[in-house]
N, C-alpha and C. Protein backbone atom coordinates (compact mmCIF):
# COMPACT_ATOMS: atom_id res chain seq x y z
N UNK A 1 0.84 -1.17 0.00
CA UNK A 1 0.00 0.00 0.00
C UNK A 1 0.89 1.24 0.00
N UNK A 2 0.63 2.13 -0.91
CA UNK A 2 1.40 3.37 -0.99
C UNK A 2 0.59 4.48 -0.34
N UNK A 3 1.25 5.20 0.55
CA UNK A 3 0.60 6.32 1.23
C UNK A 3 1.26 7.61 0.77
N UNK A 4 0.56 8.69 0.98
CA UNK A 4 1.10 9.98 0.59
C UNK A 4 0.92 10.96 1.74
N UNK A 5 1.98 11.69 2.04
CA UNK A 5 1.93 12.70 3.10
C UNK A 5 2.73 13.91 2.63
N UNK A 6 2.05 15.04 2.55
CA UNK A 6 2.73 16.27 2.13
C UNK A 6 3.36 16.17 0.75
N UNK A 7 2.72 15.44 -0.15
CA UNK A 7 3.25 15.30 -1.51
C UNK A 7 4.32 14.24 -1.66
N UNK A 8 4.71 13.59 -0.55
CA UNK A 8 5.74 12.55 -0.59
C UNK A 8 5.05 11.19 -0.49
N UNK A 9 5.37 10.30 -1.45
CA UNK A 9 4.80 8.96 -1.43
C UNK A 9 5.75 8.02 -0.70
N UNK A 10 5.18 7.13 0.10
CA UNK A 10 5.98 6.14 0.79
C UNK A 10 5.15 4.88 1.02
N UNK A 11 5.84 3.76 1.20
CA UNK A 11 5.18 2.48 1.42
C UNK A 11 4.78 2.37 2.89
N UNK A 12 3.58 1.85 3.13
CA UNK A 12 3.15 1.59 4.50
C UNK A 12 4.05 0.50 5.06
N UNK A 13 4.35 0.56 6.33
CA UNK A 13 5.25 -0.41 6.95
C UNK A 13 4.51 -1.23 7.99
N UNK A 14 5.07 -2.40 8.28
CA UNK A 14 4.52 -3.28 9.30
C UNK A 14 5.66 -3.81 10.15
N UNK A 15 5.34 -4.23 11.35
CA UNK A 15 6.33 -4.75 12.28
C UNK A 15 6.42 -6.28 12.14
N UNK A 16 7.65 -6.81 12.13
CA UNK A 16 7.88 -8.25 12.07
C UNK A 16 8.75 -8.63 13.27
N UNK A 17 8.33 -9.66 14.00
CA UNK A 17 9.12 -10.15 15.13
C UNK A 17 9.81 -11.45 14.75
N UNK A 18 11.10 -11.57 15.09
CA UNK A 18 11.87 -12.76 14.79
C UNK A 18 12.51 -13.27 16.08
N UNK A 19 12.35 -14.56 16.34
CA UNK A 19 13.01 -15.16 17.51
C UNK A 19 14.33 -15.79 17.08
N UNK A 20 15.38 -15.52 17.85
CA UNK A 20 16.67 -16.14 17.60
C UNK A 20 17.47 -16.14 18.89
N UNK A 21 18.47 -16.96 18.93
CA UNK A 21 19.37 -17.07 20.07
C UNK A 21 20.01 -15.70 20.33
N UNK A 22 20.14 -15.34 21.60
CA UNK A 22 20.66 -14.01 21.95
C UNK A 22 22.10 -13.81 21.47
N UNK A 23 22.91 -14.86 21.50
CA UNK A 23 24.30 -14.74 21.02
C UNK A 23 24.32 -14.51 19.51
N UNK A 24 23.44 -15.19 18.79
CA UNK A 24 23.35 -14.99 17.34
C UNK A 24 22.94 -13.55 17.05
N UNK A 25 21.98 -13.04 17.80
CA UNK A 25 21.52 -11.66 17.61
C UNK A 25 22.67 -10.68 17.80
N UNK A 26 23.45 -10.86 18.86
CA UNK A 26 24.60 -9.98 19.10
C UNK A 26 25.58 -10.03 17.94
N UNK A 27 25.85 -11.24 17.46
CA UNK A 27 26.78 -11.41 16.35
C UNK A 27 26.27 -10.73 15.09
N UNK A 28 24.98 -10.92 14.79
CA UNK A 28 24.39 -10.30 13.60
C UNK A 28 24.43 -8.78 13.73
N UNK A 29 24.12 -8.26 14.91
CA UNK A 29 24.17 -6.80 15.12
C UNK A 29 25.58 -6.27 14.88
N UNK A 30 26.58 -6.99 15.36
CA UNK A 30 27.98 -6.56 15.17
C UNK A 30 28.35 -6.53 13.69
N UNK A 31 28.01 -7.61 12.98
CA UNK A 31 28.32 -7.69 11.55
C UNK A 31 27.60 -6.58 10.79
N UNK A 32 26.33 -6.39 11.08
CA UNK A 32 25.56 -5.33 10.41
C UNK A 32 26.17 -3.96 10.69
N UNK A 33 26.55 -3.73 11.93
CA UNK A 33 27.16 -2.45 12.30
C UNK A 33 28.46 -2.22 11.53
N UNK A 34 29.27 -3.26 11.40
CA UNK A 34 30.53 -3.16 10.64
C UNK A 34 30.27 -2.82 9.18
N UNK A 35 29.10 -3.25 8.67
CA UNK A 35 28.74 -2.99 7.28
C UNK A 35 27.98 -1.67 7.12
N UNK A 36 27.71 -1.01 8.25
CA UNK A 36 26.97 0.25 8.20
C UNK A 36 25.47 0.06 8.02
N UNK A 37 24.98 -1.11 8.43
CA UNK A 37 23.56 -1.44 8.31
C UNK A 37 22.96 -1.68 9.68
N UNK A 38 21.65 -1.49 9.77
CA UNK A 38 20.93 -1.95 10.95
C UNK A 38 20.43 -3.36 10.65
N UNK A 39 20.02 -4.09 11.67
CA UNK A 39 19.44 -5.41 11.45
C UNK A 39 18.17 -5.29 10.62
N UNK A 40 17.40 -4.25 10.87
CA UNK A 40 16.17 -4.05 10.11
C UNK A 40 16.46 -3.91 8.62
N UNK A 41 17.47 -3.12 8.28
CA UNK A 41 17.85 -2.94 6.88
C UNK A 41 18.33 -4.25 6.27
N UNK A 42 19.14 -5.00 7.02
CA UNK A 42 19.66 -6.28 6.52
C UNK A 42 18.52 -7.27 6.25
N UNK A 43 17.58 -7.38 7.17
CA UNK A 43 16.47 -8.31 6.98
C UNK A 43 15.52 -7.82 5.88
N UNK A 44 15.39 -6.50 5.73
CA UNK A 44 14.57 -5.97 4.64
C UNK A 44 15.21 -6.29 3.30
N UNK A 45 16.54 -6.17 3.20
CA UNK A 45 17.24 -6.55 1.97
C UNK A 45 17.01 -8.02 1.65
N UNK A 46 17.11 -8.87 2.68
CA UNK A 46 16.86 -10.31 2.50
C UNK A 46 15.43 -10.54 2.00
N UNK A 47 14.46 -9.89 2.64
CA UNK A 47 13.05 -10.09 2.28
C UNK A 47 12.77 -9.62 0.85
N UNK A 48 13.36 -8.51 0.45
CA UNK A 48 13.15 -8.02 -0.92
C UNK A 48 13.72 -8.98 -1.95
N UNK A 49 14.91 -9.49 -1.68
CA UNK A 49 15.54 -10.43 -2.62
C UNK A 49 14.75 -11.73 -2.67
N UNK A 50 14.31 -12.23 -1.51
CA UNK A 50 13.49 -13.44 -1.45
C UNK A 50 12.21 -13.25 -2.25
N UNK A 51 11.56 -12.13 -2.07
CA UNK A 51 10.31 -11.83 -2.76
C UNK A 51 10.52 -11.71 -4.27
N UNK A 52 11.57 -11.02 -4.65
CA UNK A 52 11.84 -10.79 -6.07
C UNK A 52 12.25 -12.08 -6.79
N UNK A 53 13.12 -12.88 -6.17
CA UNK A 53 13.65 -14.07 -6.82
C UNK A 53 12.85 -15.34 -6.53
N UNK A 54 11.93 -15.27 -5.54
CA UNK A 54 11.09 -16.41 -5.16
C UNK A 54 11.94 -17.62 -4.74
N UNK A 55 13.06 -17.36 -4.05
CA UNK A 55 13.93 -18.41 -3.55
C UNK A 55 14.77 -17.86 -2.41
N UNK A 56 15.32 -18.75 -1.58
CA UNK A 56 16.26 -18.33 -0.54
C UNK A 56 17.52 -17.86 -1.27
N UNK A 57 18.00 -16.65 -1.03
CA UNK A 57 19.10 -16.11 -1.83
C UNK A 57 20.49 -16.59 -1.44
N UNK A 58 20.58 -17.76 -0.86
CA UNK A 58 21.88 -18.37 -0.56
C UNK A 58 21.68 -19.87 -0.44
N UNK A 59 22.77 -20.61 -0.52
CA UNK A 59 22.70 -22.06 -0.44
C UNK A 59 22.60 -22.51 1.01
N UNK A 60 21.70 -23.44 1.28
CA UNK A 60 21.57 -24.01 2.62
C UNK A 60 22.25 -25.37 2.58
N UNK A 61 23.27 -25.54 3.43
CA UNK A 61 24.04 -26.78 3.41
C UNK A 61 23.98 -27.46 4.77
N UNK A 62 24.49 -28.66 4.82
CA UNK A 62 24.51 -29.42 6.06
C UNK A 62 23.48 -30.54 6.02
N UNK A 63 23.53 -31.39 7.01
CA UNK A 63 22.60 -32.52 7.06
C UNK A 63 21.22 -32.05 7.51
N UNK A 64 20.22 -32.54 6.81
CA UNK A 64 18.84 -32.28 7.22
C UNK A 64 18.44 -33.34 8.23
N UNK A 65 17.52 -33.01 9.11
CA UNK A 65 17.02 -34.01 10.04
C UNK A 65 16.32 -35.13 9.26
N UNK A 66 15.96 -36.19 9.94
CA UNK A 66 15.31 -37.33 9.30
C UNK A 66 14.07 -36.88 8.54
N UNK A 67 13.27 -36.00 9.13
CA UNK A 67 12.12 -35.45 8.44
C UNK A 67 12.62 -34.43 7.43
N UNK A 68 11.90 -34.30 6.33
CA UNK A 68 12.29 -33.29 5.35
C UNK A 68 12.00 -31.90 5.91
N UNK A 69 12.71 -30.93 5.40
CA UNK A 69 12.48 -29.55 5.83
C UNK A 69 11.04 -29.15 5.54
N UNK A 70 10.49 -29.66 4.45
CA UNK A 70 9.11 -29.35 4.10
C UNK A 70 8.16 -29.87 5.16
N UNK A 71 8.38 -31.10 5.64
CA UNK A 71 7.50 -31.68 6.66
C UNK A 71 7.59 -30.89 7.96
N UNK A 72 8.78 -30.49 8.33
CA UNK A 72 8.96 -29.70 9.55
C UNK A 72 8.21 -28.37 9.42
N UNK A 73 8.33 -27.74 8.24
CA UNK A 73 7.61 -26.49 7.99
C UNK A 73 6.11 -26.70 8.09
N UNK A 74 5.61 -27.74 7.45
CA UNK A 74 4.17 -27.97 7.41
C UNK A 74 3.61 -28.26 8.79
N UNK A 75 4.39 -28.88 9.67
CA UNK A 75 3.91 -29.14 11.02
C UNK A 75 3.63 -27.84 11.76
N UNK A 76 4.35 -26.80 11.39
CA UNK A 76 4.15 -25.51 12.04
C UNK A 76 3.01 -24.70 11.46
N UNK A 77 2.46 -25.15 10.34
CA UNK A 77 1.37 -24.43 9.69
C UNK A 77 0.05 -24.92 10.27
N UNK A 78 -0.75 -24.01 10.77
CA UNK A 78 -2.05 -24.40 11.34
C UNK A 78 -2.91 -25.10 10.30
N UNK A 79 -3.62 -26.13 10.73
CA UNK A 79 -4.54 -26.81 9.85
C UNK A 79 -3.97 -28.03 9.16
N UNK A 80 -2.68 -28.28 9.28
CA UNK A 80 -2.08 -29.46 8.66
C UNK A 80 -1.65 -30.42 9.75
N UNK A 81 -2.06 -31.66 9.62
CA UNK A 81 -1.74 -32.66 10.63
C UNK A 81 -0.67 -33.61 10.12
N UNK A 82 -0.18 -34.47 11.00
CA UNK A 82 0.78 -35.50 10.60
C UNK A 82 0.17 -36.42 9.55
N UNK A 83 -1.16 -36.65 9.61
CA UNK A 83 -1.83 -37.49 8.61
C UNK A 83 -1.63 -36.91 7.22
N UNK A 84 -1.76 -35.60 7.11
CA UNK A 84 -1.59 -34.93 5.83
C UNK A 84 -0.21 -35.21 5.28
N UNK A 85 0.80 -35.10 6.14
CA UNK A 85 2.17 -35.29 5.70
C UNK A 85 2.47 -36.75 5.39
N UNK A 86 1.97 -37.67 6.19
CA UNK A 86 2.30 -39.07 6.00
C UNK A 86 1.64 -39.67 4.77
N UNK A 87 0.59 -39.02 4.26
CA UNK A 87 -0.07 -39.53 3.07
C UNK A 87 0.63 -39.10 1.79
N UNK A 88 1.73 -38.39 1.90
CA UNK A 88 2.49 -37.99 0.73
C UNK A 88 1.89 -36.83 -0.04
N UNK A 89 0.96 -36.13 0.54
CA UNK A 89 0.30 -35.03 -0.19
C UNK A 89 1.20 -33.81 -0.35
N UNK A 90 2.35 -33.80 0.32
CA UNK A 90 3.23 -32.65 0.17
C UNK A 90 3.68 -32.51 -1.29
N UNK A 91 3.73 -33.62 -2.03
CA UNK A 91 4.10 -33.56 -3.45
C UNK A 91 3.06 -32.77 -4.24
N UNK A 92 1.78 -32.91 -3.86
CA UNK A 92 0.73 -32.16 -4.54
C UNK A 92 0.97 -30.66 -4.38
N UNK A 93 1.32 -30.26 -3.17
CA UNK A 93 1.56 -28.83 -2.92
C UNK A 93 2.77 -28.36 -3.70
N UNK A 94 3.82 -29.16 -3.75
CA UNK A 94 5.01 -28.76 -4.49
C UNK A 94 4.69 -28.63 -5.99
N UNK A 95 3.88 -29.53 -6.54
CA UNK A 95 3.49 -29.43 -7.95
C UNK A 95 2.67 -28.16 -8.18
N UNK A 96 1.74 -27.87 -7.26
CA UNK A 96 0.93 -26.66 -7.40
C UNK A 96 1.81 -25.43 -7.35
N UNK A 97 2.81 -25.45 -6.49
CA UNK A 97 3.72 -24.30 -6.36
C UNK A 97 4.49 -24.11 -7.66
N UNK A 98 4.96 -25.21 -8.28
CA UNK A 98 5.70 -25.11 -9.52
C UNK A 98 4.83 -24.55 -10.64
N UNK A 99 3.53 -24.90 -10.62
CA UNK A 99 2.62 -24.40 -11.64
C UNK A 99 2.34 -22.92 -11.46
N UNK A 100 2.43 -22.44 -10.21
CA UNK A 100 2.14 -21.05 -9.88
C UNK A 100 3.17 -20.19 -10.56
């Protein structure tokens, strides 16, 4: 939503809360400060790139847990049960996403 005040147009803003380990937060704040950025600016840059490219803008490496990352994500989404995941329907969602 674009708002206008005194002839100046600007985007409406919203607040986003992120939970993370306190040591990680301190480290991220230090790195951002060294780069001349705030954490808000850094996360906004990440969000814009994610939105524009429709992908995580970096490679995620390392071992995944026994459950797929998709299953772990879906467990956190309201309305989806373990039955949904165990029936293999996650493939349907992935196909729909690819068609989108």
